[in-house]
């Protein structure tokens, strides 16, 4: 296999800040587990980059995989990386693998990798800021467009997490009159799959919605549905467990969580769950609810189905690509439809839930083995 370099800047930064891994971070961790034993680490800032020595790389990979926050060790790592810029570098040909979007907008980053004899391969997780700017913070659309356009113009290869993402990427390349580099679709494996039994966290029936609270996740709509359920069913209303940190421009949803008296005894808000806690909450749910307006992939859907838990989701192309007809799909603004499905799935002898449980038997979750088989074949083709 060619010499491999892994850009771990985002992972190191988030570890330093004490933040739990997101879906993008979990992909980076999987790449370290797959390639780290024989790879070198790259740290970058605004397109300026440095390659760590093999020993320093192994130290960095171990620190990242451990998840233990040691700011002193991270500062020493960064200091050594700065010193490394003054040393001659290995110019053997190889491949840079970059699994986050951070830093892909700087042309000098690609130029530096080219001078090192490296082909630059980036993963594209989504183009949501370009296609749905209304769900993002101001300015994110312009920043992400620069990232994507720079990658289209200068990357040697692109990895898409779904065919849906690749199709949107190809459309953007065509519209911008930019080339589409060599590419491959490699779906992402769930991080939470073990079905180790744990007692139910609460006795009452409940549903789970998982993800950062932000406009495109449609939490406000779901909370309105739950308020209406409380009006109809009172104390018999199933619980809604909201798992995820509070994000940006989500004031309406936060107001509902903080100030809606009808929801105070019915909605449970959690953030900072461990993988084991998260698995337990999902395993015992009546269903995972996924009312998003748009997704690049939708890892919670994969994780729930891998655990044998039903999913009620928005009717998105990427969801159908991954899960076919297994979930029950609804328009993300169909209030009566969501309410009726929750009522149906909450029943102890729910026929709708039993039918989906039967469909789940034929679900096959993407595996990291399949993912890296596709990536390795793709990297070999670049040579």
Protein backbone atom coordinates (compact mmCIF):
# COMPACT_ATOMS: atom_id res chain seq x y z
CA UNK A 1 0.00 0.00 0.00
CA UNK A 2 1.15 3.57 -0.71
CA UNK A 3 2.45 5.78 2.05
CA UNK A 4 -0.57 7.16 3.94
CA UNK A 5 -0.90 10.51 5.72
CA UNK A 6 -3.94 11.41 7.83
CA UNK A 7 -4.93 15.00 8.60
CA UNK A 8 -6.00 14.91 12.27
CA UNK A 9 -6.29 18.67 12.88
CA UNK A 10 -10.01 18.64 13.65
CA UNK A 11 -9.70 15.64 15.95
CA UNK A 12 -6.85 17.22 17.92
CA UNK A 13 -8.67 20.56 18.16
CA UNK A 14 -11.91 19.02 19.42
CA UNK A 15 -10.02 16.84 21.90
CA UNK A 16 -8.26 19.96 23.22
CA UNK A 17 -11.64 21.70 23.60
CA UNK A 18 -13.11 18.70 25.42
CA UNK A 19 -15.86 18.09 22.83
CA UNK A 20 -17.42 14.66 22.28
CA UNK A 21 -16.98 13.11 18.83
CA UNK A 22 -19.54 13.98 16.16
CA UNK A 23 -20.35 11.79 13.18
CA UNK A 24 -17.55 13.42 11.18
CA UNK A 25 -15.11 12.81 14.03
CA UNK A 26 -16.07 9.14 14.23
CA UNK A 27 -15.10 8.75 10.58
CA UNK A 28 -11.70 10.26 11.36
CA UNK A 29 -11.29 7.83 14.26
CA UNK A 30 -12.14 4.89 12.00
CA UNK A 31 -9.46 6.01 9.53
CA UNK A 32 -6.87 6.14 12.31
CA UNK A 33 -7.86 2.63 13.40
CA UNK A 34 -7.59 1.39 9.81
CA UNK A 35 -4.41 3.14 8.62
CA UNK A 36 -2.77 4.56 11.76
CA UNK A 37 -0.28 1.75 12.40
CA UNK A 38 1.63 2.62 9.22
CA UNK A 39 0.61 6.24 8.67
CA UNK A 40 1.88 9.69 9.58
CA UNK A 41 -0.23 12.49 11.00
CA UNK A 42 -0.69 15.92 9.45
CA UNK A 43 -1.60 19.10 11.33
CA UNK A 44 -2.71 22.18 9.43
CA UNK A 45 -3.86 25.75 10.00
CA UNK A 46 -5.31 27.96 7.25
CA UNK A 47 -3.67 25.80 4.61
CA UNK A 48 -0.22 25.73 6.20
CA UNK A 49 0.64 22.15 7.11
CA UNK A 50 3.28 19.99 8.72
CA UNK A 51 3.87 16.24 8.82
CA UNK A 52 4.67 14.63 12.15
CA UNK A 53 7.42 12.05 12.46
CA UNK A 54 6.41 8.40 12.72
CA UNK A 55 6.97 8.38 16.50
CA UNK A 56 5.08 11.64 17.02
CA UNK A 57 2.29 10.39 14.76
CA UNK A 58 1.85 7.23 16.80
CA UNK A 59 1.68 9.35 19.95
CA UNK A 60 -0.94 11.60 18.36
CA UNK A 61 -3.03 8.68 17.12
CA UNK A 62 -2.95 7.01 20.54
CA UNK A 63 -3.97 10.24 22.26
CA UNK A 64 -6.88 10.78 19.87
CA UNK A 65 -8.14 7.20 20.10
CA UNK A 66 -7.98 7.25 23.90
CA UNK A 67 -10.26 10.28 24.03
CA UNK A 68 -8.44 11.47 27.12
CA UNK A 69 -8.12 15.23 27.21
CA UNK A 70 -4.55 16.24 28.05
CA UNK A 71 -4.04 19.86 27.07
CA UNK A 72 -0.39 19.88 28.08
CA UNK A 73 0.37 16.89 25.85
CA UNK A 74 -1.56 18.43 22.96
CA UNK A 75 0.34 21.73 23.29
CA UNK A 76 3.64 19.81 23.22
CA UNK A 77 2.45 17.92 20.15
CA UNK A 78 1.62 21.16 18.33
CA UNK A 79 4.94 22.71 19.36
CA UNK A 80 6.84 19.72 17.96
CA UNK A 81 4.77 19.98 14.78
CA UNK A 82 5.87 23.61 14.37
CA UNK A 83 9.51 22.61 14.83
CA UNK A 84 9.01 19.84 12.26
CA UNK A 85 8.34 22.48 9.61
CA UNK A 86 12.01 23.41 9.78
CA UNK A 87 13.20 19.85 9.08
CA UNK A 88 13.59 18.14 5.69
CA UNK A 89 10.53 16.01 4.89
CA UNK A 90 10.10 12.57 3.40
CA UNK A 91 9.26 13.06 -0.28
CA UNK A 92 8.17 9.48 -0.99
CA UNK A 93 4.99 9.32 -3.02
CA UNK A 94 1.81 8.56 -1.16
CA UNK A 95 -1.73 9.66 -0.37
CA UNK A 96 -3.14 12.23 2.02
CA UNK A 97 -6.53 11.23 3.45
CA UNK A 98 -8.57 14.10 4.84
CA UNK A 99 -11.90 13.06 6.34
CA UNK A 100 -13.30 16.41 7.50
CA UNK A 101 -14.16 19.56 5.59
CA UNK A 102 -11.87 21.73 7.74
CA UNK A 103 -9.16 23.47 5.73
CA UNK A 104 -10.06 22.12 2.31
CA UNK A 105 -10.64 25.66 1.02
CA UNK A 106 -6.95 26.64 0.89
CA UNK A 107 -5.18 26.02 -2.42
CA UNK A 108 -1.77 26.22 -0.72
CA UNK A 109 -2.71 23.08 1.23
CA UNK A 110 -3.03 21.09 -2.00
CA UNK A 111 0.12 22.69 -3.43
CA UNK A 112 2.11 21.69 -0.34
CA UNK A 113 0.89 18.09 -0.57
CA UNK A 114 1.79 17.99 -4.25
CA UNK A 115 5.33 19.18 -3.46
CA UNK A 116 5.57 16.35 -0.91
CA UNK A 117 4.69 13.86 -3.62
CA UNK A 118 1.23 13.22 -2.15
CA UNK A 119 -2.11 12.82 -3.85
CA UNK A 120 -4.85 14.65 -1.91
CA UNK A 121 -8.04 12.70 -1.26
CA UNK A 122 -10.89 14.37 0.64
CA UNK A 123 -14.15 13.04 2.01
CA UNK A 124 -17.29 15.03 1.22
CA UNK A 125 -19.97 14.55 3.87
CA UNK A 126 -22.62 16.93 2.50
CA UNK A 127 -23.31 20.10 0.54
CA UNK A 128 -26.12 21.28 2.79
CA UNK A 129 -24.81 24.88 3.15
CA UNK A 130 -24.96 25.17 -0.65
CA UNK A 131 -28.34 23.54 -1.21
CA UNK A 132 -30.09 24.65 1.99
CA UNK A 133 -28.33 27.80 3.20
CA UNK A 134 -31.42 28.78 5.18
CA UNK A 135 -30.63 26.08 7.73
CA UNK A 136 -27.06 27.25 8.33
CA UNK A 137 -25.41 30.13 10.11
CA UNK A 138 -24.82 33.28 8.02
CA UNK A 139 -21.68 33.03 5.91
CA UNK A 140 -21.39 29.25 6.12
CA UNK A 141 -22.73 28.88 2.57
CA UNK A 142 -19.93 31.03 1.10
CA UNK A 143 -17.26 29.27 3.19
CA UNK A 144 -18.48 25.80 2.23
CA UNK A 145 -18.80 26.74 -1.44
CA UNK A 146 -15.15 27.78 -1.39
CA UNK A 147 -14.22 24.46 0.23
CA UNK A 148 -16.11 22.41 -2.31
CA UNK A 149 -14.99 24.43 -5.33
CA UNK A 150 -11.34 24.34 -4.25
CA UNK A 151 -11.55 20.58 -3.77
CA UNK A 152 -13.20 20.14 -7.17
CA UNK A 153 -10.41 22.12 -8.80
CA UNK A 154 -7.39 20.71 -6.95
CA UNK A 155 -8.12 17.39 -5.20
CA UNK A 156 -6.83 14.20 -6.78
CA UNK A 157 -9.77 12.22 -5.46
CA UNK A 158 -13.00 12.56 -3.51
CA UNK A 159 -14.80 10.07 -1.27
CA UNK A 160 -18.57 10.54 -0.96
CA UNK A 161 -20.48 9.05 1.96
CA UNK A 162 -23.50 8.25 -0.24
CA UNK A 163 -24.58 8.23 -3.86
CA UNK A 164 -26.96 11.05 -2.96
CA UNK A 165 -24.03 13.21 -1.82
CA UNK A 166 -22.05 12.35 -4.96
CA UNK A 167 -25.00 13.27 -7.18
CA UNK A 168 -25.33 16.67 -5.49
CA UNK A 169 -21.56 17.16 -5.77
CA UNK A 170 -21.62 16.32 -9.49
CA UNK A 171 -24.46 18.79 -10.02
CA UNK A 172 -22.50 21.52 -8.22
CA UNK A 173 -19.40 20.78 -10.32
CA UNK A 174 -21.45 21.05 -13.51
CA UNK A 175 -23.15 24.27 -12.43
CA UNK A 176 -19.80 25.85 -11.45
CA UNK A 177 -18.12 24.59 -14.64
CA UNK A 178 -15.52 22.74 -12.57
CA UNK A 179 -14.13 19.24 -13.13
CA UNK A 180 -15.30 16.35 -10.99
CA UNK A 181 -12.18 14.55 -9.73
CA UNK A 182 -11.91 10.78 -9.54
CA UNK A 183 -14.39 9.63 -6.91
CA UNK A 184 -15.87 6.73 -5.03
CA UNK A 185 -18.94 6.17 -2.86
CA UNK A 186 -18.07 4.52 0.46
CA UNK A 187 -20.93 4.40 2.96
CA UNK A 188 -20.24 4.90 6.63
CA UNK A 189 -20.61 2.21 9.26
CA UNK A 190 -22.52 2.83 12.49
CA UNK A 191 -20.47 3.47 15.61
CA UNK A 192 -23.06 1.87 17.87
CA UNK A 193 -23.99 -1.70 16.95
CA UNK A 194 -23.53 -4.01 19.95
CA UNK A 195 -26.85 -5.34 21.19
CA UNK A 196 -25.65 -5.95 24.74
CA UNK A 197 -28.83 -5.97 26.85
CA UNK A 198 -29.28 -3.24 29.43
CA UNK A 199 -32.36 -2.44 31.53
CA UNK A 200 -34.68 0.17 30.09
CA UNK A 201 -33.71 3.65 31.38
CA UNK A 202 -37.34 4.50 32.16
CA UNK A 203 -40.47 2.39 32.56
CA UNK A 204 -42.79 4.42 30.30
CA UNK A 205 -42.91 4.07 26.50
CA UNK A 206 -40.72 6.69 24.82
CA UNK A 207 -39.37 7.86 21.48
CA UNK A 208 -35.90 9.21 20.74
CA UNK A 209 -34.74 12.04 18.49
CA UNK A 210 -30.96 12.19 18.13
CA UNK A 211 -28.78 15.03 16.86
CA UNK A 212 -27.65 18.58 17.50
CA UNK A 213 -30.61 20.90 18.01
CA UNK A 214 -30.53 23.07 14.89
CA UNK A 215 -33.14 24.27 12.36
CA UNK A 216 -32.73 21.56 9.71
CA UNK A 217 -33.25 18.80 12.30
CA UNK A 218 -36.81 20.08 12.78
CA UNK A 219 -36.95 19.78 16.57
CA UNK A 220 -39.39 22.70 16.90
CA UNK A 221 -41.91 20.91 14.69
CA UNK A 222 -41.56 17.67 16.68
CA UNK A 223 -42.05 19.53 19.96
CA UNK A 224 -45.25 21.05 18.57
CA UNK A 225 -46.44 17.55 17.70
CA UNK A 226 -45.69 16.48 21.26
CA UNK A 227 -47.58 19.40 22.72
CA UNK A 228 -50.61 18.37 20.70
CA UNK A 229 -50.18 14.77 21.89
CA UNK A 230 -50.19 15.99 25.50
CA UNK A 231 -53.40 17.92 24.82
CA UNK A 232 -55.03 14.71 23.51
CA UNK A 233 -53.60 12.09 25.88
CA UNK A 234 -52.47 13.91 29.02
CA UNK A 235 -50.35 11.78 31.35
CA UNK A 236 -50.69 8.79 28.97
CA UNK A 237 -48.54 10.59 26.38
CA UNK A 238 -45.31 8.69 25.62
CA UNK A 239 -42.09 10.44 26.56
CA UNK A 240 -39.90 12.18 23.96
CA UNK A 241 -36.17 11.88 24.67
CA UNK A 242 -34.17 14.62 22.93
CA UNK A 243 -30.49 13.61 22.76
CA UNK A 244 -28.00 16.19 21.50
CA UNK A 245 -26.43 19.47 22.40
CA UNK A 246 -28.09 22.80 21.72
CA UNK A 247 -26.72 24.24 18.50
CA UNK A 248 -27.27 27.44 16.57
CA UNK A 249 -30.33 29.49 15.58
CA UNK A 250 -32.59 27.12 17.48
CA UNK A 251 -34.22 29.64 19.80
CA UNK A 252 -37.78 28.48 19.01
CA UNK A 253 -36.97 24.89 19.96
CA UNK A 254 -35.08 26.01 23.07
CA UNK A 255 -38.04 28.16 24.11
CA UNK A 256 -40.28 25.10 23.85
CA UNK A 257 -37.85 23.01 25.90
CA UNK A 258 -37.36 25.65 28.56
CA UNK A 259 -40.74 27.34 28.83
CA UNK A 260 -43.53 25.16 27.47
CA UNK A 261 -45.24 23.94 30.65
CA UNK A 262 -47.17 21.20 28.80
CA UNK A 263 -43.88 19.52 27.88
CA UNK A 264 -42.06 19.73 31.20
CA UNK A 265 -43.10 16.25 32.39
CA UNK A 266 -43.09 14.63 28.96
CA UNK A 267 -39.86 15.69 27.23
CA UNK A 268 -36.45 14.54 28.52
CA UNK A 269 -33.47 16.50 27.19
CA UNK A 270 -30.05 14.84 27.34
CA UNK A 271 -26.62 15.88 26.11
CA UNK A 272 -23.20 14.39 26.66
CA UNK A 273 -24.37 10.76 26.53
CA UNK A 274 -21.71 8.07 26.42
CA UNK A 275 -21.98 5.46 23.65
CA UNK A 276 -23.30 2.94 26.14
CA UNK A 277 -25.97 5.33 27.44
CA UNK A 278 -26.92 6.27 23.90
CA UNK A 279 -27.22 2.62 22.87
CA UNK A 280 -29.44 1.91 25.89
CA UNK A 281 -31.78 4.79 25.14
CA UNK A 282 -32.11 3.78 21.48
CA UNK A 283 -32.49 0.05 22.18
CA UNK A 284 -35.58 0.46 24.33
CA UNK A 285 -37.29 3.19 22.28
CA UNK A 286 -40.58 2.59 20.52
CA UNK A 287 -38.88 4.19 17.53
CA UNK A 288 -36.21 6.67 16.52
CA UNK A 289 -37.78 9.83 15.10
CA UNK A 290 -35.87 11.58 12.30
CA UNK A 291 -37.89 14.54 10.95
CA UNK A 292 -34.98 16.39 9.28
CA UNK A 293 -35.49 18.60 6.24
CA UNK A 294 -32.17 17.52 4.72
CA UNK A 295 -29.30 15.16 5.59
CA UNK A 296 -25.98 14.26 4.02
CA UNK A 297 -26.14 10.73 5.40
CA UNK A 298 -28.16 10.13 8.56
CA UNK A 299 -26.10 8.01 10.91
CA UNK A 300 -28.79 7.79 13.65
CA UNK A 301 -31.05 5.99 11.17
CA UNK A 302 -28.34 3.41 10.44
CA UNK A 303 -27.54 2.95 14.13
CA UNK A 304 -31.17 2.48 15.14
CA UNK A 305 -31.87 -0.09 12.42
CA UNK A 306 -28.59 -1.89 13.22
CA UNK A 307 -29.88 -2.22 16.80
CA UNK A 308 -33.22 -3.56 15.56
CA UNK A 309 -35.14 -0.40 16.49
CA UNK A 310 -37.84 1.01 14.18
CA UNK A 311 -37.40 4.41 12.53
CA UNK A 312 -39.99 7.01 11.53
CA UNK A 313 -38.22 9.45 9.22
CA UNK A 314 -38.60 12.22 6.69
CA UNK A 315 -38.93 10.98 3.13
CA UNK A 316 -35.40 11.84 1.97
CA UNK A 317 -33.57 10.27 -0.96
CA UNK A 318 -30.48 9.46 1.11
CA UNK A 319 -32.60 7.62 3.68
CA UNK A 320 -34.18 5.47 0.98
CA UNK A 321 -30.72 4.83 -0.49
CA UNK A 322 -29.46 3.49 2.85
CA UNK A 323 -32.59 1.84 4.25
CA UNK A 324 -34.85 1.24 1.24
CA UNK A 325 -38.48 0.76 2.36
CA UNK A 326 -37.74 -0.35 5.93
CA UNK A 327 -38.55 2.86 7.89
CA UNK A 328 -41.93 4.55 7.79
CA UNK A 329 -41.50 7.78 5.83
CA UNK A 330 -43.39 11.04 6.19
CA UNK A 331 -43.23 14.58 4.88
CA UNK A 332 -41.26 16.59 7.49
CA UNK A 333 -44.16 19.04 7.82
CA UNK A 334 -47.00 16.50 8.01
CA UNK A 335 -48.10 17.20 11.57
CA UNK A 336 -51.17 14.91 11.60
CA UNK A 337 -49.12 12.13 9.97
CA UNK A 338 -46.35 12.29 12.58
CA UNK A 339 -48.89 12.45 15.37
CA UNK A 340 -50.77 9.41 14.03
CA UNK A 341 -47.56 7.38 13.63
CA UNK A 342 -46.38 8.18 17.15
CA UNK A 343 -49.79 7.17 18.53
CA UNK A 344 -49.67 3.93 16.53
CA UNK A 345 -46.11 3.03 17.55
CA UNK A 346 -46.74 3.86 21.22
CA UNK A 347 -49.30 1.08 21.58
CA UNK A 348 -47.95 -2.06 23.26
CA UNK A 349 -49.44 -4.23 20.52
CA UNK A 350 -48.70 -1.86 17.62
CA UNK A 351 -49.21 -3.63 14.30
CA UNK A 352 -47.35 -0.86 12.43
CA UNK A 353 -44.34 -1.32 14.69
CA UNK A 354 -44.46 -5.10 14.33
CA UNK A 355 -44.49 -4.78 10.54
CA UNK A 356 -41.40 -2.61 10.59
CA UNK A 357 -39.65 -4.97 12.99
CA UNK A 358 -40.24 -7.70 10.41
CA UNK A 359 -38.77 -5.48 7.66
CA UNK A 360 -35.72 -4.69 9.82
CA UNK A 361 -34.72 -8.35 9.62
CA UNK A 362 -33.48 -7.72 6.08
CA UNK A 363 -31.52 -4.57 6.93
CA UNK A 364 -27.78 -4.89 6.46
CA UNK A 365 -25.83 -2.02 7.96
CA UNK A 366 -22.81 -0.71 6.04
CA UNK A 367 -19.58 -2.01 7.57
CA UNK A 368 -16.16 -0.42 7.89
CA UNK A 369 -14.80 -3.48 6.14
CA UNK A 370 -16.93 -2.67 3.08
CA UNK A 371 -16.06 1.02 3.37
CA UNK A 372 -12.30 0.48 3.41
CA UNK A 373 -12.45 -2.16 0.70
CA UNK A 374 -13.97 0.49 -1.56
CA UNK A 375 -11.46 3.14 -0.41
CA UNK A 376 -8.42 0.87 -0.82
CA UNK A 377 -9.51 -0.12 -4.32
CA UNK A 378 -10.01 3.56 -5.14
CA UNK A 379 -6.58 4.56 -3.81
CA UNK A 380 -4.98 1.79 -5.85
CA UNK A 381 -6.71 3.13 -8.96
CA UNK A 382 -5.18 6.58 -8.36
CA UNK A 383 -1.71 5.09 -8.69
